[in-house]
Amino acid sequence: MKLFTIIVATAAGFSSTVTAAPVESTTRSAAAYDAWFEGWPGRSFTGSKKRYEVQWDTCHDIRADFPPGTSEGLSTMQIGDQGVTECTIYNNPNCTVRPGEDRDWGDRLQCSGVYSDLDDPEIGWANKAQSFKCYRVR
């Protein structure tokens, strides 16, 4: 009985003197951007690269960086994060299509995967893009 009393008294003494150590917060701040889009005016990543760090579902006008219809227009692009983000490039400003033409008939090009060579004759979009918008796919 005496041993039990000593154990209880010791436990009571510890419980009143032990304090919790401060816990450091591990919350992560929100990312400044959801996706990235990189473009080059030349075929196969040549020329001056421009990187855009963007929010999903937000239109970005690229005419100042890649003047359409010129040799400095967008010719090569890559997007990320792979498997999470897809982007659409538009042949018109402000991510728009012509009224009645919202059927991918030349006003926009869906881009998925990491790399797109817009100079490829099968794609035929070299120096046409004027704006883009990215979005989450999963």
C-alpha atoms as a PDB file:
ATOM      1  CA  MET A   1       0.000   0.000   0.000  1.00  0.00           C
ATOM      2  CA  LYS A   2       2.865   2.338   0.828  1.00  0.00           C
ATOM      3  CA  LEU A   3       4.406   1.726  -2.628  1.00  0.00           C
ATOM      4  CA  PHE A   4       1.066   2.549  -4.323  1.00  0.00           C
ATOM      5  CA  THR A   5       0.844   5.833  -2.375  1.00  0.00           C
ATOM      6  CA  ILE A   6       4.372   6.805  -3.425  1.00  0.00           C
ATOM      7  CA  ILE A   7       3.632   6.067  -7.107  1.00  0.00           C
ATOM      8  CA  VAL A   8       0.388   8.075  -7.041  1.00  0.00           C
ATOM      9  CA  ALA A   9       2.080  10.998  -5.275  1.00  0.00           C
ATOM     10  CA  THR A  10       4.983  10.958  -7.743  1.00  0.00           C
ATOM     11  CA  ALA A  11       2.625  10.821 -10.732  1.00  0.00           C
ATOM     12  CA  ALA A  12       0.582  13.703  -9.347  1.00  0.00           C
ATOM     13  CA  GLY A  13       3.737  15.757  -8.897  1.00  0.00           C
ATOM     14  CA  PHE A  14       4.848  15.156 -12.491  1.00  0.00           C
ATOM     15  CA  SER A  15       1.439  15.886 -13.966  1.00  0.00           C
ATOM     16  CA  SER A  16       1.358  19.306 -12.383  1.00  0.00           C
ATOM     17  CA  THR A  17       4.874  20.296 -13.451  1.00  0.00           C
ATOM     18  CA  VAL A  18       5.030  19.006 -17.022  1.00  0.00           C
ATOM     19  CA  THR A  19       4.208  21.587 -19.658  1.00  0.00           C
ATOM     20  CA  ALA A  20       3.905  21.047 -23.382  1.00  0.00           C
ATOM     21  CA  ALA A  21       6.690  22.353 -25.564  1.00  0.00           C
ATOM     22  CA  PRO A  22       5.586  24.871 -28.170  1.00  0.00           C
ATOM     23  CA  VAL A  23       4.719  23.231 -31.481  1.00  0.00           C
ATOM     24  CA  GLU A  24       6.024  24.887 -34.613  1.00  0.00           C
ATOM     25  CA  SER A  25       3.371  25.515 -37.229  1.00  0.00           C
ATOM     26  CA  THR A  26       3.815  23.406 -40.332  1.00  0.00           C
ATOM     27  CA  THR A  27       1.115  25.003 -42.425  1.00  0.00           C
ATOM     28  CA  ARG A  28       2.280  25.774 -45.919  1.00  0.00           C
ATOM     29  CA  SER A  29       1.551  29.104 -47.518  1.00  0.00           C
ATOM     30  CA  ALA A  30      -0.550  29.032 -50.656  1.00  0.00           C
ATOM     31  CA  ALA A  31       1.399  28.774 -53.880  1.00  0.00           C
ATOM     32  CA  ALA A  32       1.815  31.998 -55.771  1.00  0.00           C
ATOM     33  CA  TYR A  33       0.775  30.193 -58.967  1.00  0.00           C
ATOM     34  CA  ASP A  34      -1.036  27.021 -60.075  1.00  0.00           C
ATOM     35  CA  ALA A  35       0.734  26.345 -63.359  1.00  0.00           C
ATOM     36  CA  TRP A  36       3.501  27.561 -65.591  1.00  0.00           C
ATOM     37  CA  PHE A  37       3.714  28.212 -69.318  1.00  0.00           C
ATOM     38  CA  GLU A  38       6.985  28.738 -71.160  1.00  0.00           C
ATOM     39  CA  GLY A  39       7.274  29.984 -74.724  1.00  0.00           C
ATOM     40  CA  TRP A  40       9.962  30.564 -77.345  1.00  0.00           C
ATOM     41  CA  PRO A  41       9.771  32.414 -80.655  1.00  0.00           C
ATOM     42  CA  GLY A  42      11.938  29.835 -82.443  1.00  0.00           C
ATOM     43  CA  ARG A  43      11.459  26.201 -83.292  1.00  0.00           C
ATOM     44  CA  SER A  44      12.714  23.607 -80.789  1.00  0.00           C
ATOM     45  CA  PHE A  45      13.237  25.964 -77.850  1.00  0.00           C
ATOM     46  CA  THR A  46      15.291  28.586 -79.690  1.00  0.00           C
ATOM     47  CA  GLY A  47      15.199  32.309 -79.119  1.00  0.00           C
ATOM     48  CA  SER A  48      14.450  34.119 -75.876  1.00  0.00           C
ATOM     49  CA  LYS A  49      12.379  32.103 -73.420  1.00  0.00           C
ATOM     50  CA  LYS A  50       9.498  33.762 -71.588  1.00  0.00           C
ATOM     51  CA  ARG A  51       8.038  32.065 -68.491  1.00  0.00           C
ATOM     52  CA  TYR A  52       4.557  32.815 -67.167  1.00  0.00           C
ATOM     53  CA  GLU A  53       3.551  31.591 -63.697  1.00  0.00           C
ATOM     54  CA  VAL A  54      -0.231  31.649 -63.761  1.00  0.00           C
ATOM     55  CA  GLN A  55      -3.424  30.888 -61.917  1.00  0.00           C
ATOM     56  CA  TRP A  56      -5.815  28.371 -63.484  1.00  0.00           C
ATOM     57  CA  ASP A  57      -8.728  29.718 -65.539  1.00  0.00           C
ATOM     58  CA  THR A  58      -7.108  33.131 -66.031  1.00  0.00           C
ATOM     59  CA  CYS A  59      -6.490  34.560 -69.492  1.00  0.00           C
ATOM     60  CA  HIS A  60      -3.027  35.885 -70.371  1.00  0.00           C
ATOM     61  CA  ASP A  61      -2.393  38.111 -73.377  1.00  0.00           C
ATOM     62  CA  ILE A  62       1.004  37.270 -74.920  1.00  0.00           C
ATOM     63  CA  ARG A  63       1.007  39.665 -77.888  1.00  0.00           C
ATOM     64  CA  ALA A  64       3.576  41.996 -76.295  1.00  0.00           C
ATOM     65  CA  ASP A  65       6.039  39.124 -75.726  1.00  0.00           C
ATOM     66  CA  PHE A  66       5.219  37.115 -78.869  1.00  0.00           C
ATOM     67  CA  PRO A  67       3.861  39.424 -81.611  1.00  0.00           C
ATOM     68  CA  PRO A  68       1.564  37.257 -83.776  1.00  0.00           C
ATOM     69  CA  GLY A  69       2.277  37.052 -87.479  1.00  0.00           C
ATOM     70  CA  THR A  70       5.965  37.862 -87.020  1.00  0.00           C
ATOM     71  CA  SER A  71       9.111  35.789 -86.649  1.00  0.00           C
ATOM     72  CA  GLU A  72       8.962  36.651 -82.934  1.00  0.00           C
ATOM     73  CA  GLY A  73       5.550  34.998 -82.488  1.00  0.00           C
ATOM     74  CA  LEU A  74       5.103  31.915 -80.292  1.00  0.00           C
ATOM     75  CA  SER A  75       6.581  28.833 -81.989  1.00  0.00           C
ATOM     76  CA  THR A  76       7.480  26.447 -79.171  1.00  0.00           C
ATOM     77  CA  MET A  77       5.860  26.008 -75.771  1.00  0.00           C
ATOM     78  CA  GLN A  78       5.817  23.768 -72.746  1.00  0.00           C
ATOM     79  CA  ILE A  79       3.450  23.691 -69.798  1.00  0.00           C
ATOM     80  CA  GLY A  80       3.448  22.278 -66.308  1.00  0.00           C
ATOM     81  CA  ASP A  81       2.892  20.644 -63.997  1.00  0.00           C
ATOM     82  CA  GLN A  82       2.714  17.599 -66.237  1.00  0.00           C
ATOM     83  CA  GLY A  83      -0.451  15.546 -65.872  1.00  0.00           C
ATOM     84  CA  VAL A  84      -2.157  18.234 -63.804  1.00  0.00           C
ATOM     85  CA  THR A  85      -2.318  21.214 -66.152  1.00  0.00           C
ATOM     86  CA  GLU A  86      -3.504  21.703 -69.717  1.00  0.00           C
ATOM     87  CA  CYS A  87      -3.581  24.985 -71.603  1.00  0.00           C
ATOM     88  CA  THR A  88      -5.515  26.378 -74.526  1.00  0.00           C
ATOM     89  CA  ILE A  89      -3.894  28.921 -76.828  1.00  0.00           C
ATOM     90  CA  TYR A  90      -6.085  31.338 -78.754  1.00  0.00           C
ATOM     91  CA  ASN A  91      -5.731  32.999 -82.143  1.00  0.00           C
ATOM     92  CA  ASN A  92      -7.632  36.002 -80.761  1.00  0.00           C
ATOM     93  CA  PRO A  93      -6.911  38.365 -77.848  1.00  0.00           C
ATOM     94  CA  ASN A  94      -8.375  37.823 -74.413  1.00  0.00           C
ATOM     95  CA  CYS A  95      -8.930  34.071 -74.852  1.00  0.00           C
ATOM     96  CA  THR A  96     -11.918  34.553 -77.124  1.00  0.00           C
ATOM     97  CA  VAL A  97     -13.275  32.824 -80.195  1.00  0.00           C
ATOM     98  CA  ARG A  98     -15.301  34.351 -83.011  1.00  0.00           C
ATOM     99  CA  PRO A  99     -19.047  34.279 -82.385  1.00  0.00           C
ATOM    100  CA  GLY A 100     -20.455  31.025 -83.706  1.00  0.00           C
ATOM    101  CA  GLU A 101     -16.994  29.516 -84.136  1.00  0.00           C
ATOM    102  CA  ASP A 102     -16.535  27.885 -80.734  1.00  0.00           C
ATOM    103  CA  ARG A 103     -15.729  24.509 -82.289  1.00  0.00           C
ATOM    104  CA  ASP A 104     -11.919  24.511 -82.417  1.00  0.00           C
ATOM    105  CA  TRP A 105     -11.955  25.596 -86.079  1.00  0.00           C
ATOM    106  CA  GLY A 106      -8.817  27.667 -85.984  1.00  0.00           C
ATOM    107  CA  ASP A 107      -9.567  29.996 -83.080  1.00  0.00           C
ATOM    108  CA  ARG A 108      -8.041  27.857 -80.340  1.00  0.00           C
ATOM    109  CA  LEU A 109      -5.694  24.937 -79.855  1.00  0.00           C
ATOM    110  CA  GLN A 110      -5.833  22.593 -76.875  1.00  0.00           C
ATOM    111  CA  CYS A 111      -2.345  21.780 -75.551  1.00  0.00           C
ATOM    112  CA  SER A 112      -1.626  18.919 -73.198  1.00  0.00           C
ATOM    113  CA  GLY A 113       1.601  17.207 -72.366  1.00  0.00           C
ATOM    114  CA  VAL A 114       4.806  19.017 -71.724  1.00  0.00           C
ATOM    115  CA  TYR A 115       6.115  20.180 -75.098  1.00  0.00           C
ATOM    116  CA  SER A 116       4.430  21.508 -78.251  1.00  0.00           C
ATOM    117  CA  ASP A 117       6.252  22.496 -81.433  1.00  0.00           C
ATOM    118  CA  LEU A 118       3.757  24.854 -83.033  1.00  0.00           C
ATOM    119  CA  ASP A 119       5.922  24.969 -86.194  1.00  0.00           C
ATOM    120  CA  ASP A 120       4.996  21.344 -86.926  1.00  0.00           C
ATOM    121  CA  PRO A 121       3.058  21.384 -90.230  1.00  0.00           C
ATOM    122  CA  GLU A 122       0.430  19.047 -88.747  1.00  0.00           C
ATOM    123  CA  ILE A 123      -0.264  21.607 -86.012  1.00  0.00           C
ATOM    124  CA  GLY A 124       0.182  24.751 -88.103  1.00  0.00           C
ATOM    125  CA  TRP A 125       0.069  27.240 -85.229  1.00  0.00           C
ATOM    126  CA  ALA A 126       3.478  28.923 -85.519  1.00  0.00           C
ATOM    127  CA  ASN A 127       3.285  32.662 -84.797  1.00  0.00           C
ATOM    128  CA  LYS A 128      -0.528  32.655 -84.405  1.00  0.00           C
ATOM    129  CA  ALA A 129      -1.138  32.561 -80.647  1.00  0.00           C
ATOM    130  CA  GLN A 130      -2.276  35.800 -79.017  1.00  0.00           C
ATOM    131  CA  SER A 131      -3.445  34.594 -75.597  1.00  0.00           C
ATOM    132  CA  PHE A 132      -3.632  31.473 -73.442  1.00  0.00           C
ATOM    133  CA  LYS A 133      -5.485  30.037 -70.476  1.00  0.00           C
ATOM    134  CA  CYS A 134      -4.475  27.035 -68.350  1.00  0.00           C
ATOM    135  CA  TYR A 135      -6.630  24.815 -66.187  1.00  0.00           C
ATOM    136  CA  ARG A 136      -6.450  21.823 -63.873  1.00  0.00           C
ATOM    137  CA  VAL A 137      -7.265  18.457 -65.429  1.00  0.00           C
ATOM    138  CA  ARG A 138      -7.333  16.264 -62.330  1.00  0.00           C
END
